[in-house]
């Protein structure tokens, strides 16, 4: 699947493309007392892409960043952002769904993606 087609599928809310969202996503869980987790896997350029879900509360800061990659890995968060290798955002109380994919390679390569969710703290 080309990068342009994947971007169109992820960003066209309300279209039939979203009916094809993965349904077998793995939830990300943090160890007790931790605010981050690392997901590891391997991905090629053929579907199905690894899919994950992240449950958050309102007003938290979520950060996704590759810590191991061949330089060709990216992720897309459905309805939020496409084709990134790192991204931070203020969360809503919802479940975010994202996929990991390669931009150009065909052979599967390993990746490690650090996911963190922290409460926003204001300093006075």
PDB file of N, CA and C in Angstrom:
ATOM      1  N   UNK A   1       0.854  -1.165   0.000  1.00  0.00           N
ATOM      2  CA  UNK A   1       0.000   0.000   0.000  1.00  0.00           C
ATOM      3  C   UNK A   1       0.895   1.221   0.000  1.00  0.00           C
ATOM      4  N   UNK A   2       0.619   2.171  -0.867  1.00  0.00           N
ATOM      5  CA  UNK A   2       1.450   3.363  -0.939  1.00  0.00           C
ATOM      6  C   UNK A   2       1.179   4.282   0.239  1.00  0.00           C
ATOM      7  N   UNK A   3       2.136   5.137   0.509  1.00  0.00           N
ATOM      8  CA  UNK A   3       2.017   6.088   1.608  1.00  0.00           C
ATOM      9  C   UNK A   3       0.836   7.024   1.390  1.00  0.00           C
ATOM     10  N   UNK A   4       0.594   7.444   0.167  1.00  0.00           N
ATOM     11  CA  UNK A   4      -0.518   8.355  -0.128  1.00  0.00           C
ATOM     12  C   UNK A   4      -1.862   7.687   0.146  1.00  0.00           C
ATOM     13  N   UNK A   5      -1.989   6.421  -0.208  1.00  0.00           N
ATOM     14  CA  UNK A   5      -3.247   5.704   0.035  1.00  0.00           C
ATOM     15  C   UNK A   5      -3.466   5.531   1.527  1.00  0.00           C
ATOM     16  N   UNK A   6      -2.412   5.171   2.268  1.00  0.00           N
ATOM     17  CA  UNK A   6      -2.542   5.017   3.713  1.00  0.00           C
ATOM     18  C   UNK A   6      -2.939   6.340   4.351  1.00  0.00           C
ATOM     19  N   UNK A   7      -2.324   7.441   3.922  1.00  0.00           N
ATOM     20  CA  UNK A   7      -2.668   8.755   4.478  1.00  0.00           C
ATOM     21  C   UNK A   7      -4.127   9.083   4.211  1.00  0.00           C
ATOM     22  N   UNK A   8      -4.595   8.809   3.011  1.00  0.00           N
ATOM     23  CA  UNK A   8      -5.996   9.082   2.682  1.00  0.00           C
ATOM     24  C   UNK A   8      -6.930   8.243   3.540  1.00  0.00           C
ATOM     25  N   UNK A   9      -6.587   6.978   3.757  1.00  0.00           N
ATOM     26  CA  UNK A   9      -7.431   6.113   4.585  1.00  0.00           C
ATOM     27  C   UNK A   9      -7.520   6.612   6.014  1.00  0.00           C
ATOM     28  N   UNK A  10      -6.410   7.108   6.537  1.00  0.00           N
ATOM     29  CA  UNK A  10      -6.379   7.513   7.930  1.00  0.00           C
ATOM     30  C   UNK A  10      -7.038   8.862   8.174  1.00  0.00           C
ATOM     31  N   UNK A  11      -7.043   9.728   7.185  1.00  0.00           N
ATOM     32  CA  UNK A  11      -7.508  11.091   7.391  1.00  0.00           C
ATOM     33  C   UNK A  11      -8.924  11.356   6.915  1.00  0.00           C
ATOM     34  N   UNK A  12      -9.515  10.477   6.160  1.00  0.00           N
ATOM     35  CA  UNK A  12     -10.862  10.703   5.643  1.00  0.00           C
ATOM     36  C   UNK A  12     -11.901  10.183   6.615  1.00  0.00           C
ATOM     37  N   UNK A  13     -12.178  10.945   7.652  1.00  0.00           N
ATOM     38  CA  UNK A  13     -13.161  10.513   8.630  1.00  0.00           C
ATOM     39  C   UNK A  13     -14.537  10.461   7.985  1.00  0.00           C
ATOM     40  N   UNK A  14     -15.286   9.454   8.364  1.00  0.00           N
ATOM     41  CA  UNK A  14     -16.634   9.306   7.839  1.00  0.00           C
ATOM     42  C   UNK A  14     -16.698   8.625   6.493  1.00  0.00           C
ATOM     43  N   UNK A  15     -15.580   8.238   5.936  1.00  0.00           N
ATOM     44  CA  UNK A  15     -15.595   7.578   4.638  1.00  0.00           C
ATOM     45  C   UNK A  15     -15.602   6.070   4.813  1.00  0.00           C
ATOM     46  N   UNK A  16     -15.782   5.364   3.709  1.00  0.00           N
ATOM     47  CA  UNK A  16     -15.769   3.899   3.769  1.00  0.00           C
ATOM     48  C   UNK A  16     -14.379   3.372   4.079  1.00  0.00           C
ATOM     49  N   UNK A  17     -13.345   4.194   3.874  1.00  0.00           N
ATOM     50  CA  UNK A  17     -11.981   3.747   4.175  1.00  0.00           C
ATOM     51  C   UNK A  17     -11.820   3.443   5.657  1.00  0.00           C
ATOM     52  N   UNK A  18     -12.452   4.230   6.518  1.00  0.00           N
ATOM     53  CA  UNK A  18     -12.324   3.980   7.943  1.00  0.00           C
ATOM     54  C   UNK A  18     -13.043   2.720   8.373  1.00  0.00           C
ATOM     55  N   UNK A  19     -13.958   2.237   7.564  1.00  0.00           N
ATOM     56  CA  UNK A  19     -14.597   0.962   7.864  1.00  0.00           C
ATOM     57  C   UNK A  19     -13.571  -0.162   7.807  1.00  0.00           C
ATOM     58  N   UNK A  20     -12.429   0.102   7.183  1.00  0.00           N
ATOM     59  CA  UNK A  20     -11.371  -0.892   7.057  1.00  0.00           C
ATOM     60  C   UNK A  20     -10.298  -0.740   8.133  1.00  0.00           C
ATOM     61  N   UNK A  21     -10.555   0.081   9.143  1.00  0.00           N
ATOM     62  CA  UNK A  21      -9.593   0.201  10.237  1.00  0.00           C
ATOM     63  C   UNK A  21      -9.356  -1.169  10.854  1.00  0.00           C
ATOM     64  N   UNK A  22      -8.140  -1.418  11.296  1.00  0.00           N
ATOM     65  CA  UNK A  22      -7.870  -2.698  11.957  1.00  0.00           C
ATOM     66  C   UNK A  22      -8.740  -2.856  13.196  1.00  0.00           C
ATOM     67  N   UNK A  23      -9.170  -4.069  13.443  1.00  0.00           N
ATOM     68  CA  UNK A  23      -9.974  -4.344  14.630  1.00  0.00           C
ATOM     69  C   UNK A  23      -9.213  -5.196  15.636  1.00  0.00           C
ATOM     70  N   UNK A  24      -8.058  -5.689  15.254  1.00  0.00           N
ATOM     71  CA  UNK A  24      -7.284  -6.574  16.127  1.00  0.00           C
ATOM     72  C   UNK A  24      -6.071  -5.850  16.713  1.00  0.00           C
ATOM     73  N   UNK A  25      -6.266  -4.622  17.173  1.00  0.00           N
ATOM     74  CA  UNK A  25      -5.162  -3.836  17.727  1.00  0.00           C
ATOM     75  C   UNK A  25      -4.817  -4.309  19.133  1.00  0.00           C
ATOM     76  N   UNK A  26      -3.536  -4.238  19.460  1.00  0.00           N
ATOM     77  CA  UNK A  26      -3.063  -4.629  20.787  1.00  0.00           C
ATOM     78  C   UNK A  26      -3.082  -3.412  21.705  1.00  0.00           C
ATOM     79  N   UNK A  27      -3.714  -3.517  22.871  1.00  0.00           N
ATOM     80  CA  UNK A  27      -3.700  -2.381  23.805  1.00  0.00           C
ATOM     81  C   UNK A  27      -2.331  -2.223  24.453  1.00  0.00           C
ATOM     82  N   UNK A  28      -1.937  -0.976  24.671  1.00  0.00           N
ATOM     83  CA  UNK A  28      -0.684  -0.683  25.354  1.00  0.00           C
ATOM     84  C   UNK A  28      -0.996  -0.519  26.834  1.00  0.00           C
ATOM     85  N   UNK A  29      -0.282  -1.264  27.663  1.00  0.00           N
ATOM     86  CA  UNK A  29      -0.438  -1.189  29.113  1.00  0.00           C
ATOM     87  C   UNK A  29       0.886  -0.750  29.719  1.00  0.00           C
ATOM     88  N   UNK A  30       0.809   0.095  30.730  1.00  0.00           N
ATOM     89  CA  UNK A  30       2.000   0.540  31.442  1.00  0.00           C
ATOM     90  C   UNK A  30       2.167  -0.305  32.698  1.00  0.00           C
ATOM     91  N   UNK A  31       3.419  -0.612  33.022  1.00  0.00           N
ATOM     92  CA  UNK A  31       3.697  -1.333  34.264  1.00  0.00           C
ATOM     93  C   UNK A  31       3.284  -0.446  35.441  1.00  0.00           C
ATOM     94  N   UNK A  32       2.917  -1.068  36.521  1.00  0.00           N
ATOM     95  CA  UNK A  32       2.475  -0.334  37.717  1.00  0.00           C
ATOM     96  C   UNK A  32       3.507   0.736  38.087  1.00  0.00           C
ATOM     97  N   UNK A  33       3.032   1.974  38.237  1.00  0.00           N
ATOM     98  CA  UNK A  33       3.901   3.079  38.613  1.00  0.00           C
ATOM     99  C   UNK A  33       4.680   3.708  37.471  1.00  0.00           C
ATOM    100  N   UNK A  34       4.536   3.191  36.261  1.00  0.00           N
ATOM    101  CA  UNK A  34       5.271   3.714  35.114  1.00  0.00           C
ATOM    102  C   UNK A  34       4.364   4.577  34.236  1.00  0.00           C
ATOM    103  N   UNK A  35       4.965   5.527  33.531  1.00  0.00           N
ATOM    104  CA  UNK A  35       4.202   6.373  32.615  1.00  0.00           C
ATOM    105  C   UNK A  35       4.622   6.144  31.169  1.00  0.00           C
ATOM    106  N   UNK A  36       5.406   5.091  30.937  1.00  0.00           N
ATOM    107  CA  UNK A  36       5.822   4.783  29.576  1.00  0.00           C
ATOM    108  C   UNK A  36       5.900   3.275  29.369  1.00  0.00           C
ATOM    109  N   UNK A  37       5.857   2.901  28.111  1.00  0.00           N
ATOM    110  CA  UNK A  37       6.034   1.499  27.717  1.00  0.00           C
ATOM    111  C   UNK A  37       6.719   1.503  26.356  1.00  0.00           C
ATOM    112  N   UNK A  38       7.408   0.433  26.054  1.00  0.00           N
ATOM    113  CA  UNK A  38       8.036   0.295  24.744  1.00  0.00           C
ATOM    114  C   UNK A  38       7.402  -0.893  24.038  1.00  0.00           C
ATOM    115  N   UNK A  39       6.896  -0.646  22.843  1.00  0.00           N
ATOM    116  CA  UNK A  39       6.351  -1.733  22.033  1.00  0.00           C
ATOM    117  C   UNK A  39       7.407  -2.104  20.994  1.00  0.00           C
ATOM    118  N   UNK A  40       7.574  -3.401  20.821  1.00  0.00           N
ATOM    119  CA  UNK A  40       8.562  -3.904  19.872  1.00  0.00           C
ATOM    120  C   UNK A  40       7.879  -4.814  18.876  1.00  0.00           C
ATOM    121  N   UNK A  41       8.397  -4.818  17.673  1.00  0.00           N
ATOM    122  CA  UNK A  41       7.841  -5.682  16.648  1.00  0.00           C
ATOM    123  C   UNK A  41       8.663  -5.585  15.386  1.00  0.00           C
ATOM    124  N   UNK A  42       8.109  -6.093  14.312  1.00  0.00           N
ATOM    125  CA  UNK A  42       8.730  -6.004  12.994  1.00  0.00           C
ATOM    126  C   UNK A  42       7.618  -5.724  12.003  1.00  0.00           C
ATOM    127  N   UNK A  43       7.950  -4.963  10.979  1.00  0.00           N
ATOM    128  CA  UNK A  43       6.950  -4.607   9.986  1.00  0.00           C
ATOM    129  C   UNK A  43       7.603  -4.508   8.610  1.00  0.00           C
ATOM    130  N   UNK A  44       6.888  -5.009   7.618  1.00  0.00           N
ATOM    131  CA  UNK A  44       7.286  -4.839   6.226  1.00  0.00           C
ATOM    132  C   UNK A  44       6.351  -3.839   5.585  1.00  0.00           C
ATOM    133  N   UNK A  45       6.303  -3.820   4.285  1.00  0.00           N
ATOM    134  CA  UNK A  45       5.433  -2.854   3.623  1.00  0.00           C
ATOM    135  C   UNK A  45       4.095  -3.464   3.216  1.00  0.00           C
ATOM    136  N   UNK A  46       3.848  -4.719   3.566  1.00  0.00           N
ATOM    137  CA  UNK A  46       2.562  -5.349   3.262  1.00  0.00           C
ATOM    138  C   UNK A  46       1.670  -5.341   4.495  1.00  0.00           C
ATOM    139  N   UNK A  47       0.375  -5.224   4.269  1.00  0.00           N
ATOM    140  CA  UNK A  47      -0.588  -5.304   5.369  1.00  0.00           C
ATOM    141  C   UNK A  47      -0.683  -6.739   5.850  1.00  0.00           C
ATOM    142  N   UNK A  48      -1.120  -6.990   7.048  1.00  0.00           N
ATOM    143  CA  UNK A  48      -1.596  -6.000   8.013  1.00  0.00           C
ATOM    144  C   UNK A  48      -0.431  -5.348   8.742  1.00  0.00           C
ATOM    145  N   UNK A  49      -0.573  -4.054   9.008  1.00  0.00           N
ATOM    146  CA  UNK A  49       0.416  -3.320   9.786  1.00  0.00           C
ATOM    147  C   UNK A  49       0.138  -3.545  11.266  1.00  0.00           C
ATOM    148  N   UNK A  50       1.188  -3.543  12.097  1.00  0.00           N
ATOM    149  CA  UNK A  50       0.946  -3.657  13.534  1.00  0.00           C
ATOM    150  C   UNK A  50       0.078  -2.488  14.004  1.00  0.00           C
ATOM    151  N   UNK A  51      -0.935  -2.803  14.792  1.00  0.00           N
ATOM    152  CA  UNK A  51      -1.883  -1.797  15.264  1.00  0.00           C
ATOM    153  C   UNK A  51      -1.932  -1.852  16.792  1.00  0.00           C
ATOM    154  N   UNK A  52      -2.023  -0.677  17.404  1.00  0.00           N
ATOM    155  CA  UNK A  52      -2.040  -0.566  18.862  1.00  0.00           C
ATOM    156  C   UNK A  52      -3.119   0.418  19.289  1.00  0.00           C
ATOM    157  N   UNK A  53      -3.591   0.276  20.528  1.00  0.00           N
ATOM    158  CA  UNK A  53      -4.509   1.251  21.106  1.00  0.00           C
ATOM    159  C   UNK A  53      -3.891   1.806  22.379  1.00  0.00           C
ATOM    160  N   UNK A  54      -4.247   3.061  22.668  1.00  0.00           N
ATOM    161  CA  UNK A  54      -3.742   3.753  23.846  1.00  0.00           C
ATOM    162  C   UNK A  54      -4.903   4.492  24.495  1.00  0.00           C
ATOM    163  N   UNK A  55      -5.244   4.101  25.730  1.00  0.00           N
ATOM    164  CA  UNK A  55      -6.305   4.768  26.487  1.00  0.00           C
ATOM    165  C   UNK A  55      -5.690   5.915  27.278  1.00  0.00           C
ATOM    166  N   UNK A  56      -6.316   7.098  27.182  1.00  0.00           N
ATOM    167  CA  UNK A  56      -5.798   8.269  27.883  1.00  0.00           C
ATOM    168  C   UNK A  56      -6.925   9.024  28.570  1.00  0.00           C
ATOM    169  N   UNK A  57      -6.545   9.864  29.505  1.00  0.00           N
ATOM    170  CA  UNK A  57      -7.475  10.784  30.145  1.00  0.00           C
ATOM    171  C   UNK A  57      -7.324  12.165  29.528  1.00  0.00           C
ATOM    172  N   UNK A  58      -8.234  13.046  29.839  1.00  0.00           N
ATOM    173  CA  UNK A  58      -8.192  14.405  29.306  1.00  0.00           C
ATOM    174  C   UNK A  58      -7.061  15.191  29.965  1.00  0.00           C
ATOM    175  N   UNK A  59      -6.342  15.975  29.152  1.00  0.00           N
ATOM    176  CA  UNK A  59      -5.319  16.873  29.665  1.00  0.00           C
ATOM    177  C   UNK A  59      -3.971  16.244  29.937  1.00  0.00           C
ATOM    178  N   UNK A  60      -3.765  15.027  29.487  1.00  0.00           N
ATOM    179  CA  UNK A  60      -2.455  14.395  29.623  1.00  0.00           C
ATOM    180  C   UNK A  60      -1.619  14.752  28.398  1.00  0.00           C
ATOM    181  N   UNK A  61      -0.333  14.472  28.458  1.00  0.00           N
ATOM    182  CA  UNK A  61       0.537  14.639  27.297  1.00  0.00           C
ATOM    183  C   UNK A  61       1.028  13.269  26.878  1.00  0.00           C
ATOM    184  N   UNK A  62       0.713  12.889  25.653  1.00  0.00           N
ATOM    185  CA  UNK A  62       1.175  11.606  25.110  1.00  0.00           C
ATOM    186  C   UNK A  62       2.318  11.873  24.138  1.00  0.00           C
ATOM    187  N   UNK A  63       3.319  11.022  24.186  1.00  0.00           N
ATOM    188  CA  UNK A  63       4.456  11.118  23.278  1.00  0.00           C
ATOM    189  C   UNK A  63       4.738   9.734  22.704  1.00  0.00           C
ATOM    190  N   UNK A  64       4.889   9.663  21.394  1.00  0.00           N
ATOM    191  CA  UNK A  64       5.297   8.440  20.710  1.00  0.00           C
ATOM    192  C   UNK A  64       6.593   8.757  19.985  1.00  0.00           C
ATOM    193  N   UNK A  65       7.600   7.898  20.155  1.00  0.00           N
ATOM    194  CA  UNK A  65       8.902   8.138  19.537  1.00  0.00           C
ATOM    195  C   UNK A  65       9.618   6.818  19.317  1.00  0.00           C
ATOM    196  N   UNK A  66      10.115   6.616  18.106  1.00  0.00           N
ATOM    197  CA  UNK A  66      10.891   5.413  17.827  1.00  0.00           C
ATOM    198  C   UNK A  66      12.225   5.490  18.560  1.00  0.00           C
ATOM    199  N   UNK A  67      12.607   4.400  19.205  1.00  0.00           N
ATOM    200  CA  UNK A  67      13.915   4.308  19.839  1.00  0.00           C
ATOM    201  C   UNK A  67      14.821   3.347  19.074  1.00  0.00           C
ATOM    202  N   UNK A  68      14.218   2.521  18.230  1.00  0.00           N
ATOM    203  CA  UNK A  68      14.979   1.635  17.345  1.00  0.00           C
ATOM    204  C   UNK A  68      14.226   1.559  16.028  1.00  0.00           C
ATOM    205  N   UNK A  69      14.915   1.869  14.945  1.00  0.00           N
ATOM    206  CA  UNK A  69      14.292   1.834  13.632  1.00  0.00           C
ATOM    207  C   UNK A  69      15.381   1.803  12.562  1.00  0.00           C
ATOM    208  N   UNK A  70      14.981   1.401  11.386  1.00  0.00           N
ATOM    209  CA  UNK A  70      15.901   1.419  10.252  1.00  0.00           C
ATOM    210  C   UNK A  70      15.924   2.790   9.591  1.00  0.00           C
ATOM    211  N   UNK A  71      15.252   3.768  10.172  1.00  0.00           N
ATOM    212  CA  UNK A  71      15.169   5.108   9.600  1.00  0.00           C
ATOM    213  C   UNK A  71      14.035   5.258   8.610  1.00  0.00           C
ATOM    214  N   UNK A  72      13.300   4.188   8.398  1.00  0.00           N
ATOM    215  CA  UNK A  72      12.238   4.173   7.406  1.00  0.00           C
ATOM    216  C   UNK A  72      10.875   3.899   8.035  1.00  0.00           C
ATOM    217  N   UNK A  73      10.807   3.824   9.354  1.00  0.00           N
ATOM    218  CA  UNK A  73       9.557   3.523  10.047  1.00  0.00           C
ATOM    219  C   UNK A  73       8.768   4.794  10.314  1.00  0.00           C
ATOM    220  N   UNK A  74       7.467   4.624  10.372  1.00  0.00           N
ATOM    221  CA  UNK A  74       6.574   5.731  10.704  1.00  0.00           C
ATOM    222  C   UNK A  74       5.345   5.152  11.395  1.00  0.00           C
ATOM    223  N   UNK A  75       4.577   6.040  12.028  1.00  0.00           N
ATOM    224  CA  UNK A  75       3.292   5.641  12.595  1.00  0.00           C
ATOM    225  C   UNK A  75       2.261   6.688  12.214  1.00  0.00           C
ATOM    226  N   UNK A  76       1.010   6.273  12.220  1.00  0.00           N
ATOM    227  CA  UNK A  76      -0.114   7.176  11.991  1.00  0.00           C
ATOM    228  C   UNK A  76      -1.140   6.928  13.082  1.00  0.00           C
ATOM    229  N   UNK A  77      -1.615   8.015  13.702  1.00  0.00           N
ATOM    230  CA  UNK A  77      -2.642   7.934  14.717  1.00  0.00           C
ATOM    231  C   UNK A  77      -3.950   8.315  14.043  1.00  0.00           C
ATOM    232  N   UNK A  78      -4.898   7.381  13.999  1.00  0.00           N
ATOM    233  CA  UNK A  78      -6.156   7.590  13.283  1.00  0.00           C
ATOM    234  C   UNK A  78      -6.847   8.871  13.757  1.00  0.00           C
ATOM    235  N   UNK A  79      -7.206   9.725  12.788  1.00  0.00           N
ATOM    236  CA  UNK A  79      -7.929  10.954  13.064  1.00  0.00           C
ATOM    237  C   UNK A  79      -7.093  12.056  13.681  1.00  0.00           C
ATOM    238  N   UNK A  80      -5.760  11.860  13.800  1.00  0.00           N
ATOM    239  CA  UNK A  80      -4.935  12.868  14.459  1.00  0.00           C
ATOM    240  C   UNK A  80      -3.728  13.279  13.626  1.00  0.00           C
ATOM    241  N   UNK A  81      -2.879  12.316  13.242  1.00  0.00           N
ATOM    242  CA  UNK A  81      -1.639  12.650  12.547  1.00  0.00           C
ATOM    243  C   UNK A  81      -1.195  11.463  11.700  1.00  0.00           C
ATOM    244  N   UNK A  82      -0.500  11.757  10.613  1.00  0.00           N
ATOM    245  CA  UNK A  82      -0.068  10.713   9.686  1.00  0.00           C
ATOM    246  C   UNK A  82       1.431  10.794   9.444  1.00  0.00           C
ATOM    247  N   UNK A  83       2.038   9.614   9.299  1.00  0.00           N
ATOM    248  CA  UNK A  83       3.407   9.474   8.816  1.00  0.00           C
ATOM    249  C   UNK A  83       4.416  10.248   9.659  1.00  0.00           C
ATOM    250  N   UNK A  84       4.538   9.892  10.916  1.00  0.00           N
ATOM    251  CA  UNK A  84       5.477  10.545  11.839  1.00  0.00           C
ATOM    252  C   UNK A  84       6.425   9.520  12.420  1.00  0.00           C
ATOM    253  N   UNK A  85       7.608  10.003  12.836  1.00  0.00           N
ATOM    254  CA  UNK A  85       8.514   9.128  13.579  1.00  0.00           C
ATOM    255  C   UNK A  85       8.573   9.533  15.044  1.00  0.00           C
ATOM    256  N   UNK A  86       8.007  10.687  15.389  1.00  0.00           N
ATOM    257  CA  UNK A  86       7.800  11.086  16.775  1.00  0.00           C
ATOM    258  C   UNK A  86       6.695  12.135  16.797  1.00  0.00           C
ATOM    259  N   UNK A  87       5.953  12.163  17.918  1.00  0.00           N
ATOM    260  CA  UNK A  87       4.847  13.111  18.013  1.00  0.00           C
ATOM    261  C   UNK A  87       4.400  13.208  19.466  1.00  0.00           C
ATOM    262  N   UNK A  88       4.134  14.432  19.922  1.00  0.00           N
ATOM    263  CA  UNK A  88       3.575  14.681  21.251  1.00  0.00           C
ATOM    264  C   UNK A  88       2.296  15.472  21.087  1.00  0.00           C
ATOM    265  N   UNK A  89       1.308  15.178  21.945  1.00  0.00           N
ATOM    266  CA  UNK A  89       0.040  15.878  21.847  1.00  0.00           C
ATOM    267  C   UNK A  89      -0.694  15.852  23.175  1.00  0.00           C
ATOM    268  N   UNK A  90      -1.583  16.844  23.351  1.00  0.00           N
ATOM    269  CA  UNK A  90      -2.447  16.897  24.529  1.00  0.00           C
ATOM    270  C   UNK A  90      -3.622  15.964  24.266  1.00  0.00           C
ATOM    271  N   UNK A  91      -3.919  15.112  25.219  1.00  0.00           N
ATOM    272  CA  UNK A  91      -4.904  14.052  25.002  1.00  0.00           C
ATOM    273  C   UNK A  91      -6.316  14.457  25.422  1.00  0.00           C
ATOM    274  N   UNK A  92      -7.255  13.740  24.877  1.00  0.00           N
ATOM    275  CA  UNK A  92      -8.652  13.754  25.304  1.00  0.00           C
ATOM    276  C   UNK A  92      -8.887  12.460  26.084  1.00  0.00           C
ATOM    277  N   UNK A  93     -10.022  12.353  26.727  1.00  0.00           N
ATOM    278  CA  UNK A  93     -10.389  11.105  27.403  1.00  0.00           C
ATOM    279  C   UNK A  93     -10.945  10.176  26.333  1.00  0.00           C
ATOM    280  N   UNK A  94     -10.078   9.373  25.740  1.00  0.00           N
ATOM    281  CA  UNK A  94     -10.490   8.489  24.658  1.00  0.00           C
ATOM    282  C   UNK A  94      -9.441   7.412  24.414  1.00  0.00           C
ATOM    283  N   UNK A  95      -9.759   6.529  23.500  1.00  0.00           N
ATOM    284  CA  UNK A  95      -8.819   5.510  23.051  1.00  0.00           C
ATOM    285  C   UNK A  95      -8.294   5.911  21.682  1.00  0.00           C
ATOM    286  N   UNK A  96      -6.994   6.063  21.584  1.00  0.00           N
ATOM    287  CA  UNK A  96      -6.344   6.375  20.311  1.00  0.00           C
ATOM    288  C   UNK A  96      -5.897   5.068  19.674  1.00  0.00           C
ATOM    289  N   UNK A  97      -6.025   4.986  18.362  1.00  0.00           N
ATOM    290  CA  UNK A  97      -5.596   3.809  17.606  1.00  0.00           C
ATOM    291  C   UNK A  97      -4.512   4.253  16.627  1.00  0.00           C
ATOM    292  N   UNK A  98      -3.402   3.487  16.577  1.00  0.00           N
ATOM    293  CA  UNK A  98      -2.346   3.843  15.631  1.00  0.00           C
ATOM    294  C   UNK A  98      -1.710   2.607  15.020  1.00  0.00           C
ATOM    295  N   UNK A  99      -1.156   2.788  13.822  1.00  0.00           N
ATOM    296  CA  UNK A  99      -0.473   1.716  13.105  1.00  0.00           C
ATOM    297  C   UNK A  99       0.970   2.115  12.870  1.00  0.00           C
ATOM    298  N   UNK A 100       1.839   1.105  12.776  1.00  0.00           N
ATOM    299  CA  UNK A 100       3.257   1.288  12.488  1.00  0.00           C
ATOM    300  C   UNK A 100       3.506   0.695  11.106  1.00  0.00           C
ATOM    301  N   UNK A 101       4.275   1.408  10.289  1.00  0.00           N
ATOM    302  CA  UNK A 101       4.534   0.940   8.919  1.00  0.00           C
ATOM    303  C   UNK A 101       5.870   1.460   8.432  1.00  0.00           C
ATOM    304  N   UNK A 102       6.335   0.910   7.313  1.00  0.00           N
ATOM    305  CA  UNK A 102       7.550   1.383   6.650  1.00  0.00           C
ATOM    306  C   UNK A 102       7.138   2.260   5.474  1.00  0.00           C
ATOM    307  N   UNK A 103       7.934   3.272   5.194  1.00  0.00           N
ATOM    308  CA  UNK A 103       7.633   4.152   4.079  1.00  0.00           C
ATOM    309  C   UNK A 103       7.995   3.546   2.730  1.00  0.00           C
ATOM    310  N   UNK A 104       9.117   2.823   2.643  1.00  0.00           N
ATOM    311  CA  UNK A 104       9.559   2.377   1.329  1.00  0.00           C
ATOM    312  C   UNK A 104      10.044   0.942   1.237  1.00  0.00           C
ATOM    313  N   UNK A 105      10.499   0.334   2.283  1.00  0.00           N
ATOM    314  CA  UNK A 105      11.097  -0.992   2.194  1.00  0.00           C
ATOM    315  C   UNK A 105      10.057  -2.093   2.102  1.00  0.00           C
ATOM    316  N   UNK A 106      10.465  -3.218   1.562  1.00  0.00           N
ATOM    317  CA  UNK A 106       9.561  -4.363   1.446  1.00  0.00           C
ATOM    318  C   UNK A 106       9.889  -5.456   2.462  1.00  0.00           C
ATOM    319  N   UNK A 107      11.145  -5.533   2.912  1.00  0.00           N
ATOM    320  CA  UNK A 107      11.508  -6.593   3.844  1.00  0.00           C
ATOM    321  C   UNK A 107      11.182  -6.171   5.271  1.00  0.00           C
ATOM    322  N   UNK A 108      10.677  -7.088   6.069  1.00  0.00           N
ATOM    323  CA  UNK A 108      10.361  -6.736   7.466  1.00  0.00           C
ATOM    324  C   UNK A 108      11.608  -6.337   8.243  1.00  0.00           C
ATOM    325  N   UNK A 109      11.474  -5.274   9.009  1.00  0.00           N
ATOM    326  CA  UNK A 109      12.548  -4.793   9.874  1.00  0.00           C
ATOM    327  C   UNK A 109      12.000  -4.574  11.277  1.00  0.00           C
ATOM    328  N   UNK A 110      12.843  -4.771  12.292  1.00  0.00           N
ATOM    329  CA  UNK A 110      12.386  -4.585  13.674  1.00  0.00           C
ATOM    330  C   UNK A 110      12.260  -3.101  14.020  1.00  0.00           C
ATOM    331  N   UNK A 111      11.420  -2.847  15.027  1.00  0.00           N
ATOM    332  CA  UNK A 111      11.293  -1.492  15.551  1.00  0.00           C
ATOM    333  C   UNK A 111      11.046  -1.556  17.049  1.00  0.00           C
ATOM    334  N   UNK A 112      11.323  -0.444  17.708  1.00  0.00           N
ATOM    335  CA  UNK A 112      10.955  -0.240  19.108  1.00  0.00           C
ATOM    336  C   UNK A 112      10.375   1.168  19.176  1.00  0.00           C
ATOM    337  N   UNK A 113       9.168   1.281  19.723  1.00  0.00           N
ATOM    338  CA  UNK A 113       8.464   2.555  19.811  1.00  0.00           C
ATOM    339  C   UNK A 113       8.139   2.827  21.265  1.00  0.00           C
ATOM    340  N   UNK A 114       8.686   3.939  21.799  1.00  0.00           N
ATOM    341  CA  UNK A 114       8.419   4.330  23.174  1.00  0.00           C
ATOM    342  C   UNK A 114       7.135   5.147  23.190  1.00  0.00           C
ATOM    343  N   UNK A 115       6.211   4.777  24.085  1.00  0.00           N
ATOM    344  CA  UNK A 115       4.940   5.473  24.241  1.00  0.00           C
ATOM    345  C   UNK A 115       4.849   5.929  25.688  1.00  0.00           C
ATOM    346  N   UNK A 116       4.638   7.228  25.892  1.00  0.00           N
ATOM    347  CA  UNK A 116       4.504   7.720  27.266  1.00  0.00           C
ATOM    348  C   UNK A 116       3.256   8.584  27.378  1.00  0.00           C
ATOM    349  N   UNK A 117       2.676   8.580  28.560  1.00  0.00           N
ATOM    350  CA  UNK A 117       1.527   9.430  28.869  1.00  0.00           C
ATOM    351  C   UNK A 117       1.789  10.006  30.255  1.00  0.00           C
ATOM    352  N   UNK A 118       1.783  11.319  30.311  1.00  0.00           N
ATOM    353  CA  UNK A 118       2.066  12.003  31.573  1.00  0.00           C
ATOM    354  C   UNK A 118       1.008  13.066  31.824  1.00  0.00           C
ATOM    355  N   UNK A 119       0.752  13.326  33.096  1.00  0.00           N
ATOM    356  CA  UNK A 119      -0.140  14.418  33.466  1.00  0.00           C
ATOM    357  C   UNK A 119       0.577  15.731  33.195  1.00  0.00           C
ATOM    358  N   UNK A 120      -0.165  16.687  32.659  1.00  0.00           N
ATOM    359  CA  UNK A 120       0.417  18.021  32.465  1.00  0.00           C
ATOM    360  C   UNK A 120       0.472  18.707  33.827  1.00  0.00           C
ATOM    361  N   UNK A 121       1.616  19.252  34.161  1.00  0.00           N
ATOM    362  CA  UNK A 121       1.798  19.924  35.436  1.00  0.00           C
ATOM    363  C   UNK A 121       2.104  21.386  35.150  1.00  0.00           C
ATOM    364  N   UNK A 122       1.325  22.279  35.736  1.00  0.00           N
ATOM    365  CA  UNK A 122       1.590  23.706  35.540  1.00  0.00           C
ATOM    366  C   UNK A 122       2.517  24.190  36.654  1.00  0.00           C
ATOM    367  N   UNK A 123       3.472  25.014  36.278  1.00  0.00           N
ATOM    368  CA  UNK A 123       4.439  25.555  37.223  1.00  0.00           C
ATOM    369  C   UNK A 123       4.080  27.027  37.444  1.00  0.00           C
ATOM    370  N   UNK A 124       3.966  27.404  38.713  1.00  0.00           N
ATOM    371  CA  UNK A 124       3.627  28.804  39.034  1.00  0.00           C
ATOM    372  C   UNK A 124       4.771  29.518  39.659  1.00  0.00           C
TER     373      UNK A 124
END
